[in-house]
Amino acid sequence: MSKLPAFFKDKEARQEWADFIMEELNQEALKRVYAGADTAALKEARDIISKSFKKLAQLYTPKKERKTTEDAV
């Protein structure tokens, strides 16, 4: 059973986890910049992680029910 819905509902934990991951990527990017190394992969990783959190929101945000013509009667 997936624990993703529970993780998504815990906004504080979700934000803390996202902040942690991004901070780790930032620290690694800084190390690579000072070492003169390529940082393109880290930017790509940030983009993928951001997209993943957006997808979680799409998957687990409750959808508003549409009223049908039968409901309106």
C-alpha atoms as a PDB file:
ATOM      1  CA  MET A   1       0.000   0.000   0.000  1.00  0.00           C
ATOM      2  CA  SER A   2       1.347   3.396  -0.953  1.00  0.00           C
ATOM      3  CA  LYS A   3       2.205   5.881   1.757  1.00  0.00           C
ATOM      4  CA  LEU A   4       2.268   8.755  -0.726  1.00  0.00           C
ATOM      5  CA  PRO A   5      -1.275  10.000   0.035  1.00  0.00           C
ATOM      6  CA  ALA A   6      -0.430  10.287   3.748  1.00  0.00           C
ATOM      7  CA  PHE A   7       2.877  11.986   2.912  1.00  0.00           C
ATOM      8  CA  PHE A   8       1.074  14.450   0.644  1.00  0.00           C
ATOM      9  CA  LYS A   9      -1.489  15.297   3.329  1.00  0.00           C
ATOM     10  CA  ASP A  10       1.265  16.130   5.826  1.00  0.00           C
ATOM     11  CA  LYS A  11       2.088  19.555   4.407  1.00  0.00           C
ATOM     12  CA  GLU A  12       4.721  20.332   7.029  1.00  0.00           C
ATOM     13  CA  ALA A  13       6.647  17.083   6.474  1.00  0.00           C
ATOM     14  CA  ARG A  14       6.328  17.428   2.715  1.00  0.00           C
ATOM     15  CA  GLN A  15       7.741  20.964   2.784  1.00  0.00           C
ATOM     16  CA  GLU A  16      10.502  19.980   5.187  1.00  0.00           C
ATOM     17  CA  TRP A  17      11.519  17.089   2.918  1.00  0.00           C
ATOM     18  CA  ALA A  18      11.477  19.299  -0.197  1.00  0.00           C
ATOM     19  CA  ASP A  19      13.551  21.954   1.565  1.00  0.00           C
ATOM     20  CA  PHE A  20      16.054  19.339   2.727  1.00  0.00           C
ATOM     21  CA  ILE A  21      16.511  17.881  -0.746  1.00  0.00           C
ATOM     22  CA  MET A  22      16.904  21.281  -2.374  1.00  0.00           C
ATOM     23  CA  GLU A  23      19.413  22.401   0.267  1.00  0.00           C
ATOM     24  CA  GLU A  24      21.496  19.279  -0.328  1.00  0.00           C
ATOM     25  CA  LEU A  25      21.468  19.971  -4.064  1.00  0.00           C
ATOM     26  CA  ASN A  26      22.451  23.600  -3.433  1.00  0.00           C
ATOM     27  CA  GLN A  27      25.383  22.540  -1.260  1.00  0.00           C
ATOM     28  CA  GLU A  28      26.569  20.044  -3.857  1.00  0.00           C
ATOM     29  CA  ALA A  29      26.215  22.672  -6.599  1.00  0.00           C
ATOM     30  CA  LEU A  30      28.338  25.106  -4.611  1.00  0.00           C
ATOM     31  CA  LYS A  31      31.046  22.491  -4.109  1.00  0.00           C
ATOM     32  CA  ARG A  32      31.043  21.725  -7.829  1.00  0.00           C
ATOM     33  CA  VAL A  33      31.127  25.393  -8.826  1.00  0.00           C
ATOM     34  CA  TYR A  34      34.185  26.038  -6.656  1.00  0.00           C
ATOM     35  CA  ALA A  35      35.823  22.883  -8.009  1.00  0.00           C
ATOM     36  CA  GLY A  36      35.160  24.026 -11.578  1.00  0.00           C
ATOM     37  CA  ALA A  37      32.998  20.964 -12.233  1.00  0.00           C
ATOM     38  CA  ASP A  38      29.854  20.681 -14.338  1.00  0.00           C
ATOM     39  CA  THR A  39      26.621  21.480 -12.475  1.00  0.00           C
ATOM     40  CA  ALA A  40      24.115  20.825 -15.290  1.00  0.00           C
ATOM     41  CA  ALA A  41      23.004  17.509 -13.794  1.00  0.00           C
ATOM     42  CA  LEU A  42      22.131  19.220 -10.507  1.00  0.00           C
ATOM     43  CA  LYS A  43      19.899  21.726 -12.267  1.00  0.00           C
ATOM     44  CA  GLU A  44      18.190  18.855 -14.044  1.00  0.00           C
ATOM     45  CA  ALA A  45      17.758  17.045 -10.715  1.00  0.00           C
ATOM     46  CA  ARG A  46      16.169  20.153  -9.159  1.00  0.00           C
ATOM     47  CA  ASP A  47      13.749  20.406 -12.070  1.00  0.00           C
ATOM     48  CA  ILE A  48      12.789  16.736 -11.817  1.00  0.00           C
ATOM     49  CA  ILE A  49      12.253  16.971  -8.056  1.00  0.00           C
ATOM     50  CA  SER A  50      10.090  20.079  -8.448  1.00  0.00           C
ATOM     51  CA  LYS A  51       8.019  18.347 -11.126  1.00  0.00           C
ATOM     52  CA  SER A  52       7.646  15.313  -8.856  1.00  0.00           C
ATOM     53  CA  PHE A  53       6.181  17.408  -6.041  1.00  0.00           C
ATOM     54  CA  LYS A  54       3.791  19.074  -8.512  1.00  0.00           C
ATOM     55  CA  LYS A  55       2.722  15.643  -9.754  1.00  0.00           C
ATOM     56  CA  LEU A  56       2.040  14.560  -6.158  1.00  0.00           C
ATOM     57  CA  ALA A  57      -0.287  17.538  -5.854  1.00  0.00           C
ATOM     58  CA  GLN A  58      -2.076  16.582  -9.073  1.00  0.00           C
ATOM     59  CA  LEU A  59      -2.462  12.974  -7.967  1.00  0.00           C
ATOM     60  CA  TYR A  60      -3.576  13.515  -4.380  1.00  0.00           C
ATOM     61  CA  THR A  61      -5.436  16.828  -4.288  1.00  0.00           C
ATOM     62  CA  PRO A  62      -9.119  16.006  -3.909  1.00  0.00           C
ATOM     63  CA  LYS A  63     -11.058  16.837  -7.035  1.00  0.00           C
ATOM     64  CA  LYS A  64     -14.127  19.021  -6.740  1.00  0.00           C
ATOM     65  CA  GLU A  65     -17.250  17.171  -7.710  1.00  0.00           C
ATOM     66  CA  ARG A  66     -18.999  18.503 -10.757  1.00  0.00           C
ATOM     67  CA  LYS A  67     -22.714  19.036 -10.537  1.00  0.00           C
ATOM     68  CA  THR A  68     -24.628  17.201 -13.200  1.00  0.00           C
ATOM     69  CA  THR A  69     -27.961  18.251 -14.622  1.00  0.00           C
ATOM     70  CA  GLU A  70     -29.569  15.583 -12.424  1.00  0.00           C
ATOM     71  CA  ASP A  71     -28.113  17.248  -9.302  1.00  0.00           C
ATOM     72  CA  ALA A  72     -29.510  20.616 -10.354  1.00  0.00           C
ATOM     73  CA  VAL A  73     -33.094  19.317 -10.587  1.00  0.00           C
END
